[in-house]
Amino acid sequence: MIDKPPGWCYHAAVVLTALVLFWWVSIPISYSESGVLVIFVLVPLVSYWTIRFIVALVRGARAVWRRLPGWILLPLIVAGLWAAVDADLPFKARFALSRSSMEDFARGILTSGAREAPACAWTGLYPVCGHLSTEPNSATEIQLQISDWPIAGTRCFLWAPHGRPRADDHEYALRHVTGPWWGCRGWDGW
């Protein structure tokens, strides 16, 4: 039985792990929980596959070659996952699909002048709460706090149509995304 590649349930666990990882890295500054997922879920799944593969090779390399499509599936999934995360494709795709609706939402906040109570809505593929953040002697910018469930909302977008946001206002992390869009991380995010 160990000579056979892992079954559909095992591959479903790997794909589910990859999808959750894609979701957690599809924001401007990745959640640290994605590293925890890799260490405690993906590494054990890959280790289990590696041990089974080595044992199967020792018992009979011909059997492994006959069932090669089943054995090669995990390395293909993991290589695709690594390549997509390394190229930042989950974030680029989610942001590209959401950019126009987030910009409309930010313009709406700017025209309404919402400073106290944040306005919350789904904008594209991001659930956000936005508010106008103006400091004295500072350019106007809209902060859209990402509220992905069940992770705490510590990541955000800044829409700064009048130039770069002040770095000292966002000392924890600031990443230029494109044009007037910036990614940020709150003080309590890890």
N, C-alpha and C. Protein backbone atom coordinates (compact mmCIF):
# COMPACT_ATOMS: atom_id res chain seq x y z
N MET A 1 0.82 -1.20 0.00
CA MET A 1 0.00 0.00 0.00
C MET A 1 0.87 1.27 0.00
N ILE A 2 2.03 1.20 0.65
CA ILE A 2 2.90 2.37 0.70
C ILE A 2 3.57 2.63 -0.64
N ASP A 3 3.56 1.60 -1.53
CA ASP A 3 4.15 1.79 -2.85
C ASP A 3 3.30 2.69 -3.73
N LYS A 4 2.03 2.85 -3.38
CA LYS A 4 1.15 3.72 -4.15
C LYS A 4 1.34 5.17 -3.72
N PRO A 5 1.14 6.10 -4.65
CA PRO A 5 1.23 7.52 -4.27
C PRO A 5 0.07 7.88 -3.34
N PRO A 6 0.22 8.97 -2.58
CA PRO A 6 -0.87 9.39 -1.70
C PRO A 6 -2.15 9.62 -2.51
N GLY A 7 -3.28 9.40 -1.87
CA GLY A 7 -4.57 9.47 -2.55
C GLY A 7 -5.15 10.87 -2.66
N TRP A 8 -6.39 10.93 -3.12
CA TRP A 8 -7.06 12.20 -3.39
C TRP A 8 -7.23 13.03 -2.14
N CYS A 9 -7.44 12.41 -0.99
CA CYS A 9 -7.63 13.15 0.26
C CYS A 9 -6.36 13.93 0.62
N TYR A 10 -5.23 13.29 0.44
CA TYR A 10 -3.95 13.93 0.71
C TYR A 10 -3.74 15.12 -0.24
N HIS A 11 -3.99 14.90 -1.52
CA HIS A 11 -3.82 15.98 -2.50
C HIS A 11 -4.81 17.11 -2.26
N ALA A 12 -6.02 16.78 -1.80
CA ALA A 12 -7.00 17.81 -1.46
C ALA A 12 -6.48 18.67 -0.30
N ALA A 13 -5.83 18.04 0.68
CA ALA A 13 -5.25 18.80 1.80
C ALA A 13 -4.15 19.74 1.31
N VAL A 14 -3.34 19.28 0.38
CA VAL A 14 -2.28 20.13 -0.17
C VAL A 14 -2.88 21.30 -0.95
N VAL A 15 -3.89 21.03 -1.76
CA VAL A 15 -4.52 22.10 -2.55
C VAL A 15 -5.22 23.10 -1.63
N LEU A 16 -5.90 22.62 -0.59
CA LEU A 16 -6.55 23.52 0.37
C LEU A 16 -5.52 24.39 1.07
N THR A 17 -4.40 23.81 1.45
CA THR A 17 -3.32 24.57 2.07
C THR A 17 -2.80 25.64 1.11
N ALA A 18 -2.64 25.27 -0.15
CA ALA A 18 -2.16 26.23 -1.16
C ALA A 18 -3.16 27.37 -1.34
N LEU A 19 -4.45 27.07 -1.36
CA LEU A 19 -5.46 28.11 -1.52
C LEU A 19 -5.48 29.08 -0.34
N VAL A 20 -5.38 28.54 0.87
CA VAL A 20 -5.33 29.41 2.06
C VAL A 20 -4.07 30.27 2.01
N LEU A 21 -2.97 29.68 1.62
CA LEU A 21 -1.72 30.44 1.51
C LEU A 21 -1.85 31.54 0.46
N PHE A 22 -2.46 31.24 -0.69
CA PHE A 22 -2.70 32.26 -1.71
C PHE A 22 -3.53 33.41 -1.14
N TRP A 23 -4.55 33.09 -0.36
CA TRP A 23 -5.42 34.12 0.22
C TRP A 23 -4.62 35.00 1.18
N TRP A 24 -3.77 34.37 2.02
CA TRP A 24 -3.03 35.13 3.02
C TRP A 24 -1.91 35.97 2.44
N VAL A 25 -1.46 35.67 1.24
CA VAL A 25 -0.41 36.49 0.62
C VAL A 25 -0.97 37.42 -0.46
N SER A 26 -2.30 37.49 -0.57
CA SER A 26 -2.91 38.32 -1.61
C SER A 26 -3.22 39.73 -1.11
N ILE A 27 -2.42 40.22 -0.18
CA ILE A 27 -2.55 41.57 0.36
C ILE A 27 -1.21 42.27 0.18
N PRO A 28 -1.17 43.60 0.37
CA PRO A 28 0.09 44.31 0.07
C PRO A 28 1.29 43.85 0.90
N ILE A 29 1.08 43.55 2.17
CA ILE A 29 2.14 43.06 3.04
C ILE A 29 1.61 41.78 3.67
N SER A 30 2.24 40.66 3.36
CA SER A 30 1.69 39.35 3.73
C SER A 30 1.51 39.19 5.23
N TYR A 31 0.50 38.39 5.58
CA TYR A 31 0.29 38.03 6.97
C TYR A 31 1.39 37.08 7.42
N SER A 32 1.83 37.21 8.64
CA SER A 32 2.84 36.31 9.18
C SER A 32 2.28 34.90 9.38
N GLU A 33 0.96 34.81 9.48
CA GLU A 33 0.33 33.50 9.64
C GLU A 33 0.63 32.58 8.45
N SER A 34 0.94 33.17 7.29
CA SER A 34 1.25 32.35 6.13
C SER A 34 2.52 31.52 6.38
N GLY A 35 3.49 32.09 7.07
CA GLY A 35 4.69 31.33 7.43
C GLY A 35 4.40 30.21 8.40
N VAL A 36 3.48 30.46 9.32
CA VAL A 36 3.08 29.43 10.28
C VAL A 36 2.40 28.28 9.54
N LEU A 37 1.56 28.61 8.56
CA LEU A 37 0.88 27.59 7.76
C LEU A 37 1.90 26.74 7.00
N VAL A 38 2.91 27.37 6.45
CA VAL A 38 3.94 26.63 5.72
C VAL A 38 4.68 25.69 6.67
N ILE A 39 5.07 26.20 7.83
CA ILE A 39 5.87 25.40 8.77
C ILE A 39 5.07 24.23 9.35
N PHE A 40 3.84 24.48 9.77
CA PHE A 40 3.10 23.45 10.50
C PHE A 40 2.17 22.61 9.64
N VAL A 41 1.91 22.99 8.40
CA VAL A 41 1.03 22.19 7.55
C VAL A 41 1.77 21.72 6.29
N LEU A 42 2.33 22.64 5.53
CA LEU A 42 2.92 22.27 4.25
C LEU A 42 4.20 21.44 4.44
N VAL A 43 5.05 21.81 5.37
CA VAL A 43 6.29 21.05 5.60
C VAL A 43 5.98 19.60 6.02
N PRO A 44 5.04 19.37 6.97
CA PRO A 44 4.72 17.96 7.29
C PRO A 44 4.12 17.20 6.10
N LEU A 45 3.29 17.85 5.28
CA LEU A 45 2.73 17.17 4.11
C LEU A 45 3.82 16.79 3.12
N VAL A 46 4.76 17.69 2.88
CA VAL A 46 5.86 17.40 1.96
C VAL A 46 6.79 16.34 2.56
N SER A 47 7.03 16.40 3.86
CA SER A 47 7.88 15.39 4.52
C SER A 47 7.26 14.00 4.41
N TYR A 48 5.95 13.92 4.63
CA TYR A 48 5.24 12.64 4.52
C TYR A 48 5.38 12.10 3.10
N TRP A 49 5.19 12.96 2.09
CA TRP A 49 5.31 12.54 0.71
C TRP A 49 6.73 12.05 0.43
N THR A 50 7.72 12.78 0.92
CA THR A 50 9.13 12.43 0.67
C THR A 50 9.47 11.06 1.25
N ILE A 51 9.02 10.81 2.47
CA ILE A 51 9.28 9.50 3.11
C ILE A 51 8.61 8.38 2.32
N ARG A 52 7.34 8.59 1.94
CA ARG A 52 6.63 7.57 1.16
C ARG A 52 7.33 7.33 -0.18
N PHE A 53 7.80 8.40 -0.81
CA PHE A 53 8.45 8.27 -2.11
C PHE A 53 9.75 7.48 -1.99
N ILE A 54 10.54 7.78 -0.98
CA ILE A 54 11.81 7.07 -0.79
C ILE A 54 11.56 5.59 -0.49
N VAL A 55 10.60 5.30 0.37
CA VAL A 55 10.27 3.91 0.69
C VAL A 55 9.78 3.19 -0.56
N ALA A 56 8.95 3.84 -1.36
CA ALA A 56 8.46 3.22 -2.59
C ALA A 56 9.60 2.95 -3.57
N LEU A 57 10.55 3.89 -3.67
CA LEU A 57 11.70 3.67 -4.55
C LEU A 57 12.55 2.50 -4.09
N VAL A 58 12.73 2.36 -2.78
CA VAL A 58 13.53 1.27 -2.24
C VAL A 58 12.84 -0.06 -2.49
N ARG A 59 11.54 -0.09 -2.32
CA ARG A 59 10.79 -1.35 -2.49
C ARG A 59 10.67 -1.76 -3.95
N GLY A 60 10.61 -0.79 -4.83
CA GLY A 60 10.48 -1.14 -6.25
C GLY A 60 10.36 0.09 -7.11
N ALA A 61 11.45 0.44 -7.75
CA ALA A 61 11.48 1.66 -8.57
C ALA A 61 10.55 1.53 -9.78
N ARG A 62 10.38 0.28 -10.27
CA ARG A 62 9.49 0.08 -11.43
C ARG A 62 8.05 0.46 -11.08
N ALA A 63 7.62 0.13 -9.88
CA ALA A 63 6.25 0.47 -9.47
C ALA A 63 6.07 1.98 -9.40
N VAL A 64 7.11 2.68 -8.97
CA VAL A 64 7.05 4.14 -8.90
C VAL A 64 6.93 4.71 -10.31
N TRP A 65 7.74 4.19 -11.26
CA TRP A 65 7.69 4.70 -12.62
C TRP A 65 6.34 4.44 -13.28
N ARG A 66 5.70 3.29 -12.94
CA ARG A 66 4.38 2.99 -13.51
C ARG A 66 3.32 3.95 -12.98
N ARG A 67 3.50 4.43 -11.76
CA ARG A 67 2.52 5.34 -11.14
C ARG A 67 3.07 6.77 -11.02
N LEU A 68 3.94 7.12 -11.93
CA LEU A 68 4.59 8.42 -11.87
C LEU A 68 3.63 9.61 -11.87
N PRO A 69 2.55 9.62 -12.64
CA PRO A 69 1.64 10.78 -12.57
C PRO A 69 1.09 11.03 -11.16
N GLY A 70 0.81 9.99 -10.42
CA GLY A 70 0.34 10.17 -9.05
C GLY A 70 1.43 10.69 -8.12
N TRP A 71 2.66 10.26 -8.37
CA TRP A 71 3.78 10.70 -7.53
C TRP A 71 4.21 12.13 -7.84
N ILE A 72 4.09 12.53 -9.08
CA ILE A 72 4.62 13.84 -9.50
C ILE A 72 3.66 14.98 -9.15
N LEU A 73 2.42 14.67 -8.78
CA LEU A 73 1.43 15.71 -8.52
C LEU A 73 1.85 16.66 -7.40
N LEU A 74 2.34 16.15 -6.28
CA LEU A 74 2.73 17.02 -5.17
C LEU A 74 3.89 17.95 -5.54
N PRO A 75 4.97 17.45 -6.15
CA PRO A 75 6.03 18.40 -6.54
C PRO A 75 5.53 19.48 -7.50
N LEU A 76 4.62 19.13 -8.39
CA LEU A 76 4.07 20.14 -9.31
C LEU A 76 3.26 21.19 -8.56
N ILE A 77 2.43 20.77 -7.61
CA ILE A 77 1.63 21.71 -6.82
C ILE A 77 2.54 22.63 -6.01
N VAL A 78 3.52 22.06 -5.34
CA VAL A 78 4.42 22.85 -4.50
C VAL A 78 5.28 23.79 -5.35
N ALA A 79 5.75 23.33 -6.49
CA ALA A 79 6.54 24.21 -7.37
C ALA A 79 5.68 25.35 -7.91
N GLY A 80 4.45 25.04 -8.30
CA GLY A 80 3.54 26.09 -8.78
C GLY A 80 3.21 27.08 -7.68
N LEU A 81 3.00 26.58 -6.47
CA LEU A 81 2.73 27.44 -5.32
C LEU A 81 3.91 28.36 -5.06
N TRP A 82 5.10 27.80 -5.02
CA TRP A 82 6.30 28.60 -4.76
C TRP A 82 6.49 29.66 -5.84
N ALA A 83 6.33 29.28 -7.11
CA ALA A 83 6.52 30.22 -8.21
C ALA A 83 5.50 31.36 -8.15
N ALA A 84 4.24 31.02 -7.86
CA ALA A 84 3.19 32.04 -7.80
C ALA A 84 3.41 33.00 -6.64
N VAL A 85 3.78 32.48 -5.48
CA VAL A 85 4.02 33.35 -4.32
C VAL A 85 5.27 34.19 -4.53
N ASP A 86 6.31 33.59 -5.11
CA ASP A 86 7.54 34.32 -5.36
C ASP A 86 7.32 35.47 -6.35
N ALA A 87 6.47 35.26 -7.33
CA ALA A 87 6.17 36.31 -8.32
C ALA A 87 5.07 37.25 -7.83
N ASP A 88 4.55 37.04 -6.64
CA ASP A 88 3.50 37.87 -6.03
C ASP A 88 2.20 37.86 -6.84
N LEU A 89 1.94 36.75 -7.52
CA LEU A 89 0.76 36.65 -8.37
C LEU A 89 -0.56 36.71 -7.60
N PRO A 90 -0.69 36.09 -6.42
CA PRO A 90 -1.97 36.20 -5.71
C PRO A 90 -2.34 37.65 -5.41
N PHE A 91 -1.37 38.45 -4.95
CA PHE A 91 -1.66 39.85 -4.67
C PHE A 91 -1.95 40.63 -5.95
N LYS A 92 -1.11 40.45 -6.96
CA LYS A 92 -1.29 41.18 -8.21
C LYS A 92 -2.66 40.91 -8.83
N ALA A 93 -3.09 39.66 -8.82
CA ALA A 93 -4.39 39.31 -9.40
C ALA A 93 -5.54 39.90 -8.58
N ARG A 94 -5.50 39.73 -7.27
CA ARG A 94 -6.58 40.24 -6.42
C ARG A 94 -6.66 41.77 -6.47
N PHE A 95 -5.51 42.42 -6.48
CA PHE A 95 -5.50 43.87 -6.55
C PHE A 95 -5.98 44.36 -7.91
N ALA A 96 -5.54 43.73 -8.99
CA ALA A 96 -5.96 44.15 -10.33
C ALA A 96 -7.48 44.03 -10.50
N LEU A 97 -8.06 42.98 -9.93
CA LEU A 97 -9.50 42.80 -10.03
C LEU A 97 -10.27 43.76 -9.12
N SER A 98 -9.62 44.34 -8.13
CA SER A 98 -10.28 45.20 -7.15
C SER A 98 -9.95 46.67 -7.30
N ARG A 99 -8.96 47.00 -8.07
CA ARG A 99 -8.43 48.36 -8.09
C ARG A 99 -9.48 49.42 -8.44
N SER A 100 -10.24 49.22 -9.48
CA SER A 100 -11.18 50.26 -9.91
C SER A 100 -12.28 50.49 -8.86
N SER A 101 -12.79 49.43 -8.27
CA SER A 101 -13.84 49.63 -7.25
C SER A 101 -13.25 50.22 -5.97
N MET A 102 -12.01 49.90 -5.64
CA MET A 102 -11.38 50.52 -4.46
C MET A 102 -11.13 52.00 -4.72
N GLU A 103 -10.76 52.34 -5.95
CA GLU A 103 -10.53 53.74 -6.27
C GLU A 103 -11.84 54.53 -6.21
N ASP A 104 -12.92 53.95 -6.72
CA ASP A 104 -14.24 54.60 -6.61
C ASP A 104 -14.65 54.78 -5.16
N PHE A 105 -14.41 53.75 -4.34
CA PHE A 105 -14.74 53.81 -2.92
C PHE A 105 -13.91 54.91 -2.23
N ALA A 106 -12.63 54.98 -2.54
CA ALA A 106 -11.75 56.00 -1.94
C ALA A 106 -12.18 57.40 -2.37
N ARG A 107 -12.55 57.58 -3.63
CA ARG A 107 -13.04 58.88 -4.10
C ARG A 107 -14.33 59.28 -3.37
N GLY A 108 -15.19 58.29 -3.12
CA GLY A 108 -16.42 58.55 -2.38
C GLY A 108 -16.14 59.01 -0.96
N ILE A 109 -15.16 58.40 -0.33
CA ILE A 109 -14.78 58.81 1.04
C ILE A 109 -14.19 60.22 1.00
N LEU A 110 -13.39 60.50 -0.02
CA LEU A 110 -12.77 61.82 -0.14
C LEU A 110 -13.84 62.91 -0.32
N THR A 111 -14.83 62.65 -1.15
CA THR A 111 -15.86 63.66 -1.37
C THR A 111 -16.79 63.81 -0.17
N SER A 112 -17.03 62.72 0.57
CA SER A 112 -17.91 62.82 1.75
C SER A 112 -17.17 63.37 2.96
N GLY A 113 -15.86 63.27 2.97
CA GLY A 113 -15.06 63.78 4.08
C GLY A 113 -15.21 62.95 5.33
N ALA A 114 -15.38 61.63 5.21
CA ALA A 114 -15.56 60.74 6.38
C ALA A 114 -14.27 60.66 7.18
N ARG A 115 -14.27 61.29 8.35
CA ARG A 115 -13.09 61.29 9.21
C ARG A 115 -13.30 60.45 10.47
N GLU A 116 -14.46 60.52 11.05
CA GLU A 116 -14.70 59.87 12.34
C GLU A 116 -15.04 58.39 12.16
N ALA A 117 -16.24 58.10 11.70
CA ALA A 117 -16.67 56.71 11.53
C ALA A 117 -16.25 56.20 10.17
N PRO A 118 -15.51 55.10 10.14
CA PRO A 118 -15.07 54.59 8.84
C PRO A 118 -16.25 53.99 8.06
N ALA A 119 -16.19 54.12 6.76
CA ALA A 119 -17.17 53.51 5.87
C ALA A 119 -16.64 52.13 5.49
N CYS A 120 -17.47 51.11 5.63
CA CYS A 120 -17.05 49.74 5.34
C CYS A 120 -17.83 49.17 4.16
N ALA A 121 -17.15 48.43 3.31
CA ALA A 121 -17.81 47.82 2.14
C ALA A 121 -16.87 46.79 1.52
N TRP A 122 -17.45 45.92 0.70
CA TRP A 122 -16.65 45.05 -0.16
C TRP A 122 -16.30 45.88 -1.38
N THR A 123 -15.03 46.05 -1.63
CA THR A 123 -14.58 46.76 -2.82
C THR A 123 -13.79 45.78 -3.65
N GLY A 124 -14.40 45.29 -4.69
CA GLY A 124 -13.76 44.24 -5.48
C GLY A 124 -13.68 42.97 -4.66
N LEU A 125 -12.48 42.48 -4.45
CA LEU A 125 -12.28 41.24 -3.68
C LEU A 125 -11.76 41.50 -2.27
N TYR A 126 -11.80 42.75 -1.83
CA TYR A 126 -11.32 43.10 -0.49
C TYR A 126 -12.46 43.66 0.36
N PRO A 127 -12.67 43.13 1.56
CA PRO A 127 -13.56 43.80 2.50
C PRO A 127 -12.73 44.88 3.23
N VAL A 128 -13.12 46.14 3.10
CA VAL A 128 -12.33 47.22 3.67
C VAL A 128 -13.20 48.18 4.45
N CYS A 129 -12.56 48.85 5.39
CA CYS A 129 -13.16 49.98 6.09
C CYS A 129 -12.24 51.17 5.84
N GLY A 130 -12.79 52.25 5.30
CA GLY A 130 -11.96 53.36 4.90
C GLY A 130 -12.30 54.64 5.61
N HIS A 131 -11.30 55.47 5.77
CA HIS A 131 -11.50 56.80 6.35
C HIS A 131 -10.45 57.76 5.78
N LEU A 132 -10.81 59.02 5.85
CA LEU A 132 -9.93 60.09 5.39
C LEU A 132 -8.94 60.38 6.51
N SER A 133 -7.66 60.27 6.19
CA SER A 133 -6.66 60.55 7.22
C SER A 133 -5.85 61.76 6.78
N THR A 134 -6.09 62.86 7.44
CA THR A 134 -5.33 64.08 7.15
C THR A 134 -4.68 64.56 8.44
N GLU A 135 -3.43 64.74 8.37
CA GLU A 135 -2.67 65.28 9.48
C GLU A 135 -2.32 66.73 9.12
N PRO A 136 -2.12 67.57 10.11
CA PRO A 136 -1.69 68.93 9.79
C PRO A 136 -0.38 68.89 8.98
N ASN A 137 -0.28 69.76 8.01
CA ASN A 137 0.89 69.86 7.13
C ASN A 137 1.15 68.56 6.37
N SER A 138 0.10 67.83 6.06
CA SER A 138 0.24 66.56 5.36
C SER A 138 -0.73 66.53 4.19
N ALA A 139 -0.40 65.75 3.17
CA ALA A 139 -1.29 65.60 2.02
C ALA A 139 -2.47 64.70 2.41
N THR A 140 -3.56 64.85 1.71
CA THR A 140 -4.74 64.05 1.97
C THR A 140 -4.53 62.64 1.46
N GLU A 141 -4.92 61.67 2.26
CA GLU A 141 -4.85 60.28 1.84
C GLU A 141 -6.02 59.52 2.45
N ILE A 142 -6.43 58.47 1.76
CA ILE A 142 -7.52 57.61 2.22
C ILE A 142 -6.89 56.29 2.65
N GLN A 143 -7.21 55.86 3.87
CA GLN A 143 -6.72 54.58 4.36
C GLN A 143 -7.86 53.58 4.30
N LEU A 144 -7.62 52.46 3.60
CA LEU A 144 -8.59 51.37 3.50
C LEU A 144 -8.05 50.18 4.28
N GLN A 145 -8.61 49.95 5.46
CA GLN A 145 -8.18 48.86 6.34
C GLN A 145 -8.78 47.56 5.83
N ILE A 146 -7.96 46.57 5.52
CA ILE A 146 -8.44 45.28 5.03
C ILE A 146 -8.96 44.48 6.21
N SER A 147 -10.16 43.96 6.09
CA SER A 147 -10.74 43.18 7.20
C SER A 147 -11.06 41.77 6.74
N ASP A 148 -10.02 41.05 6.31
CA ASP A 148 -10.17 39.64 5.95
C ASP A 148 -10.50 38.83 7.19
N TRP A 149 -11.54 38.05 7.12
CA TRP A 149 -11.90 37.20 8.25
C TRP A 149 -11.11 35.91 8.15
N PRO A 150 -10.63 35.29 9.15
CA PRO A 150 -10.68 35.57 10.59
C PRO A 150 -9.44 36.28 11.10
N ILE A 151 -8.68 36.87 10.20
CA ILE A 151 -7.42 37.51 10.59
C ILE A 151 -7.68 38.95 10.99
N ALA A 152 -6.99 39.40 12.00
CA ALA A 152 -7.16 40.78 12.48
C ALA A 152 -6.79 41.77 11.37
N GLY A 153 -7.51 42.87 11.32
CA GLY A 153 -7.30 43.87 10.28
C GLY A 153 -6.09 44.74 10.53
N THR A 154 -4.91 44.23 10.28
CA THR A 154 -3.69 44.99 10.51
C THR A 154 -3.04 45.44 9.21
N ARG A 155 -3.60 45.04 8.09
CA ARG A 155 -3.04 45.43 6.79
C ARG A 155 -3.99 46.41 6.14
N CYS A 156 -3.42 47.30 5.32
CA CYS A 156 -4.27 48.32 4.72
C CYS A 156 -3.70 48.79 3.39
N PHE A 157 -4.54 49.51 2.69
CA PHE A 157 -4.15 50.23 1.49
C PHE A 157 -4.21 51.72 1.81
N LEU A 158 -3.33 52.47 1.20
CA LEU A 158 -3.41 53.93 1.24
C LEU A 158 -3.57 54.41 -0.18
N TRP A 159 -4.55 55.27 -0.37
CA TRP A 159 -4.73 55.91 -1.66
C TRP A 159 -4.30 57.36 -1.48
N ALA A 160 -3.16 57.70 -2.04
CA ALA A 160 -2.56 59.02 -1.85
C ALA A 160 -2.41 59.68 -3.22
N PRO A 161 -3.49 60.32 -3.72
CA PRO A 161 -3.43 60.89 -5.06
C PRO A 161 -2.52 62.11 -5.19
N HIS A 162 -2.08 62.67 -4.05
CA HIS A 162 -1.25 63.89 -4.10
C HIS A 162 0.22 63.61 -3.80
N GLY A 163 0.64 62.37 -3.92
CA GLY A 163 2.04 62.05 -3.70
C GLY A 163 2.24 60.99 -2.64
N ARG A 164 3.50 60.73 -2.35
CA ARG A 164 3.87 59.68 -1.40
C ARG A 164 3.37 60.02 0.00
N PRO A 165 2.79 59.01 0.71
CA PRO A 165 2.39 59.25 2.10
C PRO A 165 3.62 59.52 2.97
N ARG A 166 3.40 60.24 4.04
CA ARG A 166 4.51 60.51 4.96
C ARG A 166 4.95 59.21 5.61
N ALA A 167 6.24 58.93 5.54
CA ALA A 167 6.77 57.68 6.08
C ALA A 167 6.62 57.60 7.59
N ASP A 168 6.72 58.71 8.30
CA ASP A 168 6.64 58.66 9.75
C ASP A 168 5.21 58.39 10.23
N ASP A 169 4.21 58.60 9.37
CA ASP A 169 2.83 58.24 9.74
C ASP A 169 2.60 56.74 9.64
N HIS A 170 3.42 56.06 8.87
CA HIS A 170 3.27 54.63 8.64
C HIS A 170 4.62 53.95 8.84
N GLU A 171 5.16 54.06 10.03
CA GLU A 171 6.52 53.61 10.29
C GLU A 171 6.69 52.09 10.32
N TYR A 172 5.60 51.35 10.40
CA TYR A 172 5.72 49.91 10.55
C TYR A 172 5.98 49.20 9.24
N ALA A 173 5.33 49.63 8.19
CA ALA A 173 5.61 49.09 6.86
C ALA A 173 4.83 49.91 5.84
N LEU A 174 5.48 50.22 4.75
CA LEU A 174 4.86 50.97 3.67
C LEU A 174 5.44 50.43 2.36
N ARG A 175 4.57 50.03 1.44
CA ARG A 175 5.01 49.44 0.18
C ARG A 175 4.27 50.13 -0.96
N HIS A 176 5.00 50.61 -1.93
CA HIS A 176 4.37 51.21 -3.09
C HIS A 176 3.82 50.09 -3.97
N VAL A 177 2.54 50.18 -4.31
CA VAL A 177 1.91 49.17 -5.14
C VAL A 177 1.93 49.61 -6.60
N THR A 178 1.26 50.71 -6.88
CA THR A 178 1.26 51.29 -8.21
C THR A 178 0.56 52.63 -8.17
N GLY A 179 1.02 53.58 -8.97
CA GLY A 179 0.38 54.90 -9.02
C GLY A 179 0.18 55.49 -7.63
N PRO A 180 -1.07 55.87 -7.30
CA PRO A 180 -1.33 56.47 -5.98
C PRO A 180 -1.57 55.44 -4.88
N TRP A 181 -1.40 54.17 -5.18
CA TRP A 181 -1.70 53.11 -4.21
C TRP A 181 -0.46 52.65 -3.46
N TRP A 182 -0.64 52.51 -2.15
CA TRP A 182 0.42 52.05 -1.25
C TRP A 182 -0.17 50.98 -0.34
N GLY A 183 0.66 50.06 0.08
CA GLY A 183 0.26 49.07 1.06
C GLY A 183 0.86 49.44 2.40
N CYS A 184 0.16 49.13 3.49
CA CYS A 184 0.69 49.44 4.81
C CYS A 184 0.33 48.35 5.80
N ARG A 185 1.02 48.37 6.92
CA ARG A 185 0.76 47.42 8.01
C ARG A 185 0.60 48.22 9.29
N GLY A 186 -0.40 47.85 10.08
CA GLY A 186 -0.66 48.54 11.34
C GLY A 186 0.36 48.18 12.40
N TRP A 187 0.33 48.93 13.48
CA TRP A 187 1.33 48.76 14.54
C TRP A 187 1.19 47.43 15.26
N ASP A 188 0.00 46.85 15.28
CA ASP A 188 -0.17 45.59 16.01
C ASP A 188 -0.06 44.37 15.12
N GLY A 189 0.34 44.53 13.88
CA GLY A 189 0.47 43.39 12.97
C GLY A 189 1.83 42.74 13.06
N TRP A 190 1.90 41.42 12.92
CA TRP A 190 3.20 40.75 12.88
C TRP A 190 3.37 40.03 11.61
